[in-house]
Amino acid sequence: MQSIPQWLFWAGLSAIFAALTALFAKMGVKGVDPDLAMSLRTLVVAAVILPLVVATGKWSNPLLLPGRTQLFLVLSALATGASWLFYFRALQVGELAKVAVVDKLSVVLAVGLAFLLLGERPAPREWAGIGLVFAGVIVLATRK
């Protein structure tokens, strides 16, 4: 029996927990300022992840990382924060099924950006899949 690729295992777990994230956030943001809700979420993430990194011996001084690495990790953090802020606002006023679907447009955008900026070249079959994701987002987000 062939085992699944490691990236697929971790990506599958990511998808499962992302789905739970959306569900729990939708349930938790009701009647609460979305910025406050996102702040609490961020504090909990930091409170869990930092001790884990330290306990597993993976902590090192982030200021010793190469400048380029620091820059892109800071940019990633800022993009994550903006994404979460907008996501929580959307969850507060929209249906989870629609918000989560439109949020997954990030898949299409990420592949497009990887093509343009990183030189990644998906195969025609992969482009077809991305096209289907895009079409699915349009169909599901515009249902009445």
C-alpha atoms as a PDB file:
ATOM      1  CA  MET A   1       0.000   0.000   0.000  1.00  0.00           C
ATOM      2  CA  GLN A   2       1.410   3.337  -1.028  1.00  0.00           C
ATOM      3  CA  SER A   3       1.339   6.041   1.610  1.00  0.00           C
ATOM      4  CA  ILE A   4      -0.009   9.475   0.827  1.00  0.00           C
ATOM      5  CA  PRO A   5       2.531  12.249   0.228  1.00  0.00           C
ATOM      6  CA  GLN A   6       3.460  14.136   3.386  1.00  0.00           C
ATOM      7  CA  TRP A   7       2.328  17.475   1.918  1.00  0.00           C
ATOM      8  CA  LEU A   8      -1.119  16.011   1.205  1.00  0.00           C
ATOM      9  CA  PHE A   9      -1.478  14.696   4.749  1.00  0.00           C
ATOM     10  CA  TRP A  10      -0.645  18.101   6.274  1.00  0.00           C
ATOM     11  CA  ALA A  11      -2.739  19.997   3.711  1.00  0.00           C
ATOM     12  CA  GLY A  12      -5.697  17.709   4.454  1.00  0.00           C
ATOM     13  CA  LEU A  13      -5.401  18.420   8.166  1.00  0.00           C
ATOM     14  CA  SER A  14      -5.150  22.121   7.351  1.00  0.00           C
ATOM     15  CA  ALA A  15      -8.401  21.931   5.369  1.00  0.00           C
ATOM     16  CA  ILE A  16     -10.186  20.123   8.197  1.00  0.00           C
ATOM     17  CA  PHE A  17      -9.082  22.665  10.778  1.00  0.00           C
ATOM     18  CA  ALA A  18      -9.808  25.578   8.425  1.00  0.00           C
ATOM     19  CA  ALA A  19     -13.375  24.287   8.127  1.00  0.00           C
ATOM     20  CA  LEU A  20     -13.655  24.082  11.916  1.00  0.00           C
ATOM     21  CA  THR A  21     -12.127  27.560  12.162  1.00  0.00           C
ATOM     22  CA  ALA A  22     -14.834  28.969   9.922  1.00  0.00           C
ATOM     23  CA  LEU A  23     -17.609  27.183  11.804  1.00  0.00           C
ATOM     24  CA  PHE A  24     -16.394  28.187  15.261  1.00  0.00           C
ATOM     25  CA  ALA A  25     -15.664  31.760  14.160  1.00  0.00           C
ATOM     26  CA  LYS A  26     -19.161  32.151  12.710  1.00  0.00           C
ATOM     27  CA  MET A  27     -20.652  30.879  15.959  1.00  0.00           C
ATOM     28  CA  GLY A  28     -18.362  33.080  18.072  1.00  0.00           C
ATOM     29  CA  VAL A  29     -18.607  36.364  16.181  1.00  0.00           C
ATOM     30  CA  LYS A  30     -22.342  36.747  16.703  1.00  0.00           C
ATOM     31  CA  GLY A  31     -23.003  39.907  18.680  1.00  0.00           C
ATOM     32  CA  VAL A  32     -19.287  40.674  19.115  1.00  0.00           C
ATOM     33  CA  ASP A  33     -17.142  43.253  17.373  1.00  0.00           C
ATOM     34  CA  PRO A  34     -15.282  41.279  14.670  1.00  0.00           C
ATOM     35  CA  ASP A  35     -11.990  43.053  15.398  1.00  0.00           C
ATOM     36  CA  LEU A  36     -12.214  42.074  19.068  1.00  0.00           C
ATOM     37  CA  ALA A  37     -13.083  38.500  18.089  1.00  0.00           C
ATOM     38  CA  MET A  38     -10.111  38.303  15.729  1.00  0.00           C
ATOM     39  CA  SER A  39      -7.821  39.758  18.403  1.00  0.00           C
ATOM     40  CA  LEU A  40      -8.878  37.080  20.874  1.00  0.00           C
ATOM     41  CA  ARG A  41      -8.325  34.394  18.249  1.00  0.00           C
ATOM     42  CA  THR A  42      -4.832  35.733  17.548  1.00  0.00           C
ATOM     43  CA  LEU A  43      -3.920  35.796  21.240  1.00  0.00           C
ATOM     44  CA  VAL A  44      -5.044  32.201  21.660  1.00  0.00           C
ATOM     45  CA  VAL A  45      -3.012  31.110  18.616  1.00  0.00           C
ATOM     46  CA  ALA A  46       0.098  32.819  19.986  1.00  0.00           C
ATOM     47  CA  ALA A  47      -0.495  31.384  23.474  1.00  0.00           C
ATOM     48  CA  VAL A  48      -0.608  27.859  22.024  1.00  0.00           C
ATOM     49  CA  ILE A  49       2.084  28.073  19.338  1.00  0.00           C
ATOM     50  CA  LEU A  50       4.849  29.937  21.204  1.00  0.00           C
ATOM     51  CA  PRO A  51       5.107  27.430  24.085  1.00  0.00           C
ATOM     52  CA  LEU A  52       4.971  24.560  21.561  1.00  0.00           C
ATOM     53  CA  VAL A  53       7.880  25.997  19.582  1.00  0.00           C
ATOM     54  CA  VAL A  54       9.888  26.590  22.771  1.00  0.00           C
ATOM     55  CA  ALA A  55       9.074  23.166  24.260  1.00  0.00           C
ATOM     56  CA  THR A  56      10.126  21.350  21.085  1.00  0.00           C
ATOM     57  CA  GLY A  57      13.430  23.220  20.981  1.00  0.00           C
ATOM     58  CA  LYS A  58      12.628  25.002  17.724  1.00  0.00           C
ATOM     59  CA  TRP A  59      12.842  28.551  19.092  1.00  0.00           C
ATOM     60  CA  SER A  60      15.679  30.731  17.903  1.00  0.00           C
ATOM     61  CA  ASN A  61      16.164  34.465  17.836  1.00  0.00           C
ATOM     62  CA  PRO A  62      14.050  35.684  14.902  1.00  0.00           C
ATOM     63  CA  LEU A  63      16.280  38.770  14.610  1.00  0.00           C
ATOM     64  CA  LEU A  64      19.090  36.466  13.488  1.00  0.00           C
ATOM     65  CA  LEU A  65      17.116  35.274  10.466  1.00  0.00           C
ATOM     66  CA  PRO A  66      18.173  36.713   7.105  1.00  0.00           C
ATOM     67  CA  GLY A  67      16.645  40.120   6.383  1.00  0.00           C
ATOM     68  CA  ARG A  68      14.764  38.807   3.340  1.00  0.00           C
ATOM     69  CA  THR A  69      13.223  36.034   5.447  1.00  0.00           C
ATOM     70  CA  GLN A  70      12.201  38.530   8.132  1.00  0.00           C
ATOM     71  CA  LEU A  71      10.670  40.829   5.520  1.00  0.00           C
ATOM     72  CA  PHE A  72       8.559  38.130   3.912  1.00  0.00           C
ATOM     73  CA  LEU A  73       7.446  36.663   7.245  1.00  0.00           C
ATOM     74  CA  VAL A  74       6.367  40.129   8.418  1.00  0.00           C
ATOM     75  CA  LEU A  75       4.534  40.712   5.118  1.00  0.00           C
ATOM     76  CA  SER A  76       2.893  37.306   5.493  1.00  0.00           C
ATOM     77  CA  ALA A  77       1.818  38.185   9.037  1.00  0.00           C
ATOM     78  CA  LEU A  78       0.358  41.496   7.884  1.00  0.00           C
ATOM     79  CA  ALA A  79      -1.510  39.772   5.053  1.00  0.00           C
ATOM     80  CA  THR A  80      -2.788  37.134   7.483  1.00  0.00           C
ATOM     81  CA  GLY A  81      -4.016  39.811   9.876  1.00  0.00           C
ATOM     82  CA  ALA A  82      -5.791  41.689   7.102  1.00  0.00           C
ATOM     83  CA  SER A  83      -7.324  38.457   5.812  1.00  0.00           C
ATOM     84  CA  TRP A  84      -8.593  37.527   9.262  1.00  0.00           C
ATOM     85  CA  LEU A  85     -10.010  41.004   9.890  1.00  0.00           C
ATOM     86  CA  PHE A  86     -11.963  40.941   6.638  1.00  0.00           C
ATOM     87  CA  TYR A  87     -12.982  37.309   7.133  1.00  0.00           C
ATOM     88  CA  PHE A  88     -14.443  37.962  10.583  1.00  0.00           C
ATOM     89  CA  ARG A  89     -16.341  40.992   9.285  1.00  0.00           C
ATOM     90  CA  ALA A  90     -17.715  38.920   6.398  1.00  0.00           C
ATOM     91  CA  LEU A  91     -18.728  36.101   8.769  1.00  0.00           C
ATOM     92  CA  GLN A  92     -20.570  38.522  10.994  1.00  0.00           C
ATOM     93  CA  VAL A  93     -22.804  39.788   8.199  1.00  0.00           C
ATOM     94  CA  GLY A  94     -22.848  36.900   5.719  1.00  0.00           C
ATOM     95  CA  GLU A  95     -23.710  33.233   5.500  1.00  0.00           C
ATOM     96  CA  LEU A  96     -20.851  30.897   6.380  1.00  0.00           C
ATOM     97  CA  ALA A  97     -21.451  28.858   3.224  1.00  0.00           C
ATOM     98  CA  LYS A  98     -20.965  31.901   1.003  1.00  0.00           C
ATOM     99  CA  VAL A  99     -18.151  33.541   2.982  1.00  0.00           C
ATOM    100  CA  ALA A 100     -16.103  30.325   3.141  1.00  0.00           C
ATOM    101  CA  VAL A 101     -16.539  29.727  -0.584  1.00  0.00           C
ATOM    102  CA  VAL A 102     -15.447  33.211  -1.593  1.00  0.00           C
ATOM    103  CA  ASP A 103     -12.530  32.942   0.834  1.00  0.00           C
ATOM    104  CA  LYS A 104     -11.355  29.901  -1.123  1.00  0.00           C
ATOM    105  CA  LEU A 105     -10.907  32.144  -4.137  1.00  0.00           C
ATOM    106  CA  SER A 106      -7.536  32.605  -2.440  1.00  0.00           C
ATOM    107  CA  VAL A 107      -6.574  29.253  -3.975  1.00  0.00           C
ATOM    108  CA  VAL A 108      -7.044  30.626  -7.480  1.00  0.00           C
ATOM    109  CA  LEU A 109      -5.281  33.868  -6.601  1.00  0.00           C
ATOM    110  CA  ALA A 110      -2.360  32.031  -4.957  1.00  0.00           C
ATOM    111  CA  VAL A 111      -1.802  29.869  -8.030  1.00  0.00           C
ATOM    112  CA  GLY A 112      -1.973  32.929 -10.282  1.00  0.00           C
ATOM    113  CA  LEU A 113       0.522  34.795  -8.113  1.00  0.00           C
ATOM    114  CA  ALA A 114       2.816  31.751  -7.944  1.00  0.00           C
ATOM    115  CA  PHE A 115       2.714  31.635 -11.745  1.00  0.00           C
ATOM    116  CA  LEU A 116       3.470  35.340 -12.147  1.00  0.00           C
ATOM    117  CA  LEU A 117       5.930  35.903  -9.298  1.00  0.00           C
ATOM    118  CA  LEU A 118       7.514  32.544  -8.499  1.00  0.00           C
ATOM    119  CA  GLY A 119       7.683  31.019 -11.951  1.00  0.00           C
ATOM    120  CA  GLU A 120       5.610  27.993 -10.979  1.00  0.00           C
ATOM    121  CA  ARG A 121       4.096  26.330 -14.014  1.00  0.00           C
ATOM    122  CA  PRO A 122       1.055  24.163 -13.314  1.00  0.00           C
ATOM    123  CA  ALA A 123       0.302  21.441 -15.844  1.00  0.00           C
ATOM    124  CA  PRO A 124      -2.793  21.809 -18.053  1.00  0.00           C
ATOM    125  CA  ARG A 125      -4.659  19.343 -15.815  1.00  0.00           C
ATOM    126  CA  GLU A 126      -3.876  21.549 -12.801  1.00  0.00           C
ATOM    127  CA  TRP A 127      -5.028  24.682 -14.639  1.00  0.00           C
ATOM    128  CA  ALA A 128      -8.284  22.863 -15.399  1.00  0.00           C
ATOM    129  CA  GLY A 129      -8.702  22.169 -11.678  1.00  0.00           C
ATOM    130  CA  ILE A 130      -8.033  25.798 -10.812  1.00  0.00           C
ATOM    131  CA  GLY A 131     -10.589  26.827 -13.429  1.00  0.00           C
ATOM    132  CA  LEU A 132     -13.119  24.507 -11.816  1.00  0.00           C
ATOM    133  CA  VAL A 133     -12.409  26.004  -8.380  1.00  0.00           C
ATOM    134  CA  PHE A 134     -12.948  29.471  -9.839  1.00  0.00           C
ATOM    135  CA  ALA A 135     -16.190  28.396 -11.522  1.00  0.00           C
ATOM    136  CA  GLY A 136     -17.337  26.738  -8.307  1.00  0.00           C
ATOM    137  CA  VAL A 137     -16.728  29.921  -6.333  1.00  0.00           C
ATOM    138  CA  ILE A 138     -18.788  31.913  -8.827  1.00  0.00           C
ATOM    139  CA  VAL A 139     -21.638  29.390  -8.815  1.00  0.00           C
ATOM    140  CA  LEU A 140     -21.788  28.981  -5.043  1.00  0.00           C
ATOM    141  CA  ALA A 141     -21.273  32.644  -4.153  1.00  0.00           C
ATOM    142  CA  THR A 142     -23.997  33.859  -6.480  1.00  0.00           C
ATOM    143  CA  ARG A 143     -26.712  31.382  -5.500  1.00  0.00           C
ATOM    144  CA  LYS A 144     -29.906  32.996  -4.381  1.00  0.00           C
END
